[in-house]
């Protein structure tokens, strides 16, 4: 699982299913390991973002444990 926060500029996020989103300063994205790529939309200005990646093994959402079987 990863968390991305856009700090400056505009970034285009392309997902493996073909969907594209424009992300701007202050936007936050939470991903569950989809294939993706990013592109700075400006030809003259930089873009800055930071991300945090967390392992999903042992993570629980609802009654499902990632990397494991359904919890009883």
C-alpha atoms as a PDB file:
ATOM      1  CA  UNK A   1       0.000   0.000   0.000  1.00  0.00           C
ATOM      2  CA  UNK A   2       1.313   3.435  -0.762  1.00  0.00           C
ATOM      3  CA  UNK A   3       0.344   6.997   0.085  1.00  0.00           C
ATOM      4  CA  UNK A   4       1.234   9.938  -2.189  1.00  0.00           C
ATOM      5  CA  UNK A   5       0.896  13.649  -1.347  1.00  0.00           C
ATOM      6  CA  UNK A   6       1.369  16.287  -4.051  1.00  0.00           C
ATOM      7  CA  UNK A   7       3.420  19.214  -2.684  1.00  0.00           C
ATOM      8  CA  UNK A   8       3.871  21.402  -5.795  1.00  0.00           C
ATOM      9  CA  UNK A   9       2.896  21.436  -9.454  1.00  0.00           C
ATOM     10  CA  UNK A  10       0.590  19.174 -11.441  1.00  0.00           C
ATOM     11  CA  UNK A  11       1.244  15.510 -12.092  1.00  0.00           C
ATOM     12  CA  UNK A  12      -0.619  13.165 -14.409  1.00  0.00           C
ATOM     13  CA  UNK A  13      -1.163   9.727 -12.866  1.00  0.00           C
ATOM     14  CA  UNK A  14      -1.800   6.900 -15.364  1.00  0.00           C
ATOM     15  CA  UNK A  15      -3.105   3.582 -14.014  1.00  0.00           C
ATOM     16  CA  UNK A  16      -2.700   0.141 -15.585  1.00  0.00           C
ATOM     17  CA  UNK A  17      -6.378   0.094 -16.634  1.00  0.00           C
ATOM     18  CA  UNK A  18      -5.858   3.182 -18.819  1.00  0.00           C
ATOM     19  CA  UNK A  19      -7.424   5.689 -16.403  1.00  0.00           C
ATOM     20  CA  UNK A  20      -5.635   9.043 -16.082  1.00  0.00           C
ATOM     21  CA  UNK A  21      -5.985  11.634 -13.309  1.00  0.00           C
ATOM     22  CA  UNK A  22      -4.480  15.089 -12.922  1.00  0.00           C
ATOM     23  CA  UNK A  23      -3.145  15.601  -9.413  1.00  0.00           C
ATOM     24  CA  UNK A  24      -2.564  19.063  -7.950  1.00  0.00           C
ATOM     25  CA  UNK A  25      -1.018  20.523  -4.807  1.00  0.00           C
ATOM     26  CA  UNK A  26      -2.711  19.094  -1.723  1.00  0.00           C
ATOM     27  CA  UNK A  27      -4.108  15.983  -3.438  1.00  0.00           C
ATOM     28  CA  UNK A  28      -3.594  12.691  -1.621  1.00  0.00           C
ATOM     29  CA  UNK A  29      -3.686   9.290  -3.310  1.00  0.00           C
ATOM     30  CA  UNK A  30      -3.862   5.951  -1.519  1.00  0.00           C
ATOM     31  CA  UNK A  31      -2.894   3.015  -3.711  1.00  0.00           C
ATOM     32  CA  UNK A  32      -2.983  -0.733  -3.281  1.00  0.00           C
ATOM     33  CA  UNK A  33      -0.082  -1.587  -5.583  1.00  0.00           C
ATOM     34  CA  UNK A  34      -1.601  -0.923  -9.006  1.00  0.00           C
ATOM     35  CA  UNK A  35       0.842  -0.537 -11.896  1.00  0.00           C
ATOM     36  CA  UNK A  36       1.134   3.169 -12.591  1.00  0.00           C
ATOM     37  CA  UNK A  37       3.304   5.942 -13.991  1.00  0.00           C
ATOM     38  CA  UNK A  38       3.547   9.668 -13.333  1.00  0.00           C
ATOM     39  CA  UNK A  39       4.298  12.607 -15.616  1.00  0.00           C
ATOM     40  CA  UNK A  40       4.999  16.251 -14.816  1.00  0.00           C
ATOM     41  CA  UNK A  41       2.463  18.213 -16.887  1.00  0.00           C
ATOM     42  CA  UNK A  42       4.550  21.419 -16.983  1.00  0.00           C
ATOM     43  CA  UNK A  43       7.367  21.945 -19.446  1.00  0.00           C
ATOM     44  CA  UNK A  44       8.805  24.841 -17.416  1.00  0.00           C
ATOM     45  CA  UNK A  45       7.992  24.171 -13.726  1.00  0.00           C
ATOM     46  CA  UNK A  46       9.006  21.350 -11.449  1.00  0.00           C
ATOM     47  CA  UNK A  47       6.626  19.123  -9.533  1.00  0.00           C
ATOM     48  CA  UNK A  48       7.214  17.710  -6.050  1.00  0.00           C
ATOM     49  CA  UNK A  49       5.506  14.916  -4.188  1.00  0.00           C
ATOM     50  CA  UNK A  50       6.347  12.443  -1.501  1.00  0.00           C
ATOM     51  CA  UNK A  51       5.199   8.934  -0.928  1.00  0.00           C
ATOM     52  CA  UNK A  52       5.236   6.305   1.762  1.00  0.00           C
ATOM     53  CA  UNK A  53       5.161   2.616   0.886  1.00  0.00           C
ATOM     54  CA  UNK A  54       3.971   0.046   3.405  1.00  0.00           C
ATOM     55  CA  UNK A  55       4.133  -3.709   3.114  1.00  0.00           C
ATOM     56  CA  UNK A  56       0.736  -5.357   2.949  1.00  0.00           C
ATOM     57  CA  UNK A  57       1.536  -8.767   4.409  1.00  0.00           C
ATOM     58  CA  UNK A  58      -0.430  -9.116   7.619  1.00  0.00           C
ATOM     59  CA  UNK A  59      -2.474  -5.973   6.899  1.00  0.00           C
ATOM     60  CA  UNK A  60      -6.184  -6.307   7.678  1.00  0.00           C
ATOM     61  CA  UNK A  61      -9.084  -4.514   6.005  1.00  0.00           C
ATOM     62  CA  UNK A  62     -12.582  -5.493   7.086  1.00  0.00           C
ATOM     63  CA  UNK A  63     -12.306  -9.219   7.725  1.00  0.00           C
ATOM     64  CA  UNK A  64      -9.702  -9.871   5.028  1.00  0.00           C
ATOM     65  CA  UNK A  65      -6.013 -10.226   5.765  1.00  0.00           C
ATOM     66  CA  UNK A  66      -3.761  -9.356   2.829  1.00  0.00           C
ATOM     67  CA  UNK A  67      -1.415 -12.151   1.925  1.00  0.00           C
ATOM     68  CA  UNK A  68      -3.444 -14.567   4.026  1.00  0.00           C
ATOM     69  CA  UNK A  69      -6.816 -16.204   4.283  1.00  0.00           C
ATOM     70  CA  UNK A  70     -10.131 -14.759   5.436  1.00  0.00           C
ATOM     71  CA  UNK A  71     -10.111 -14.169   9.187  1.00  0.00           C
ATOM     72  CA  UNK A  72     -12.524 -16.188  11.307  1.00  0.00           C
END
